Amino acid sequence: QVQLEESGGGLAQPGGSLRLSCAASRNIFTIYIMGWYRQAQGEQRELVAAVSMGGDTDYSDSVKGRFTISRESTKNSLDLQMNNLKPEDTAVYYCNAKNSLGDNSWGQGTQVTVSS
C-alpha cells in the first residue's frame, strides 16, 4: 500500500489549463501502474490516463491530445497536465496506484471545475 495525496485542482475557464500533482508516501519506481481517474457528479468513476512502470501511457479518448500524464520517480509524484479544458472535464480527480496483484491505493481526490 502507498498513501497518495492530490493537489492542484481548482477553477479554470474553458480553454484554460491546470496541472494536478499526486504525492506518494514512498518510492514509486516499482509501482506497476499509476493513473488518474475522475468522477463527475452522478457518474461512475472513469479512467483519464495511466502510465505503467515501463513508461507506457494510456488515455481516454475524451482527453487525448489535451492531457499529459507524467511519472516522476525521483520526486515520487504523478502529474497530470490538463490543457484546453472543457466544461465536461469538471469532476473530482483521483490519483491511483495499482500493484502487480491488482491491489489499489487511492488519494482523497481534488475538485476540478471548468466554467466561465
Protein backbone atom coordinates (compact mmCIF):
# COMPACT_ATOMS: atom_id res chain seq x y z
CA GLN A 1 0.00 0.00 0.00
CA VAL A 2 1.03 3.56 -0.66
CA GLN A 3 -0.56 6.77 0.56
CA LEU A 4 -1.42 9.27 -2.17
CA GLU A 5 -2.28 12.95 -1.91
CA GLU A 6 -3.54 15.04 -4.80
CA SER A 7 -3.13 18.78 -5.25
CA GLY A 8 -3.58 21.37 -7.97
CA GLY A 9 -7.30 21.29 -8.56
CA GLY A 10 -9.43 24.40 -8.77
CA LEU A 11 -11.43 26.56 -11.10
CA ALA A 12 -10.43 27.10 -14.73
CA GLN A 13 -12.09 28.75 -17.68
CA PRO A 14 -12.88 26.78 -20.83
CA GLY A 15 -9.70 26.60 -22.89
CA GLY A 16 -7.56 27.07 -19.80
CA SER A 17 -5.05 24.79 -18.13
CA LEU A 18 -4.48 23.14 -14.78
CA ARG A 19 -1.76 20.84 -13.50
CA LEU A 20 -2.58 18.15 -10.96
CA SER A 21 0.06 16.52 -8.81
CA CYS A 22 -0.07 13.37 -6.74
CA ALA A 23 2.49 12.91 -3.98
CA ALA A 24 3.25 9.34 -2.93
CA SER A 25 4.39 8.27 0.52
CA ARG A 26 7.15 6.07 -0.86
CA ASN A 27 9.23 5.47 -3.94
CA ILE A 28 7.00 4.91 -6.95
CA PHE A 29 9.61 3.32 -9.18
CA THR A 30 8.27 -0.18 -8.58
CA ILE A 31 4.56 0.64 -8.65
CA TYR A 32 3.08 -1.35 -11.51
CA ILE A 33 0.61 1.22 -12.87
CA MET A 34 -0.25 4.73 -11.75
CA GLY A 35 -3.13 6.72 -13.09
CA TRP A 36 -5.66 9.48 -12.81
CA TYR A 37 -9.37 8.79 -12.62
CA ARG A 38 -12.25 11.21 -12.39
CA GLN A 39 -15.81 11.11 -11.20
CA ALA A 40 -18.36 13.67 -12.23
CA GLN A 41 -21.42 14.22 -10.10
CA GLY A 42 -23.88 11.41 -10.64
CA GLU A 43 -21.48 9.47 -12.83
CA GLN A 44 -19.22 6.48 -12.37
CA ARG A 45 -15.51 6.88 -11.82
CA GLU A 46 -13.62 6.62 -15.10
CA LEU A 47 -10.02 6.31 -16.16
CA VAL A 48 -8.49 9.51 -17.50
CA ALA A 49 -4.88 8.48 -18.03
CA ALA A 50 -2.43 5.87 -16.81
CA VAL A 51 1.28 5.17 -17.04
CA SER A 52 2.98 1.85 -16.45
CA MET A 53 6.22 1.13 -14.66
CA GLY A 54 7.82 0.89 -18.10
CA GLY A 55 6.52 4.27 -19.20
CA ASP A 56 3.69 3.16 -21.46
CA THR A 57 0.76 5.56 -21.35
CA ASP A 58 -2.94 5.21 -21.97
CA TYR A 59 -5.53 7.98 -22.30
CA SER A 60 -9.27 8.05 -22.54
CA ASP A 61 -10.47 9.20 -25.93
CA SER A 62 -12.05 12.29 -24.40
CA VAL A 63 -8.71 13.70 -23.21
CA LYS A 64 -6.27 12.53 -25.90
CA GLY A 65 -4.24 15.41 -27.26
CA ARG A 66 -5.22 17.67 -24.34
CA PHE A 67 -3.94 15.92 -21.21
CA THR A 68 -0.46 14.59 -20.49
CA ILE A 69 0.42 12.20 -17.69
CA SER A 70 3.93 12.07 -16.30
CA ARG A 71 5.52 9.90 -13.68
CA GLU A 72 8.42 11.42 -11.79
CA SER A 73 10.09 8.61 -9.88
CA THR A 74 12.81 10.88 -8.46
CA LYS A 75 10.11 13.04 -6.88
CA ASN A 76 7.70 10.21 -6.01
CA SER A 77 4.98 12.08 -7.87
CA LEU A 78 2.48 11.63 -10.64
CA ASP A 79 1.37 14.69 -12.58
CA LEU A 80 -1.44 15.41 -14.99
CA GLN A 81 -1.11 18.44 -17.25
CA MET A 82 -4.55 19.42 -18.49
CA ASN A 83 -4.80 21.85 -21.41
CA ASN A 84 -7.72 23.16 -23.43
CA LEU A 85 -10.09 22.32 -20.60
CA LYS A 86 -13.76 21.84 -21.32
CA PRO A 87 -16.79 22.09 -19.04
CA GLU A 88 -17.22 18.33 -19.36
CA ASP A 89 -13.83 17.88 -17.66
CA THR A 90 -15.45 19.06 -14.43
CA ALA A 91 -15.11 16.28 -11.87
CA VAL A 92 -13.27 15.10 -8.79
CA TYR A 93 -9.91 13.74 -9.92
CA TYR A 94 -8.33 10.83 -8.08
CA CYS A 95 -4.80 9.51 -8.12
CA ASN A 96 -4.46 5.73 -8.25
CA ALA A 97 -1.64 3.25 -7.75
CA LYS A 98 -2.01 -0.37 -8.67
CA ASN A 99 0.45 -3.14 -7.83
CA SER A 100 1.10 -6.27 -9.83
CA LEU A 101 -1.52 -8.17 -7.78
CA GLY A 102 -4.19 -5.65 -8.74
CA ASP A 103 -4.42 -4.05 -5.31
CA ASN A 104 -5.42 -0.39 -5.49
CA SER A 105 -4.47 2.68 -3.49
CA TRP A 106 -6.45 5.90 -3.88
CA GLY A 107 -5.97 9.51 -2.95
CA GLN A 108 -8.75 11.59 -1.43
CA GLY A 109 -9.45 13.43 -4.68
CA THR A 110 -9.22 17.01 -5.87
CA GLN A 111 -12.02 19.03 -7.44
CA VAL A 112 -11.60 20.43 -10.95
CA THR A 113 -14.25 22.85 -12.16
CA VAL A 114 -14.26 24.25 -15.68
CA SER A 115 -16.64 27.15 -16.06
CA SER A 116 -16.80 30.64 -17.44
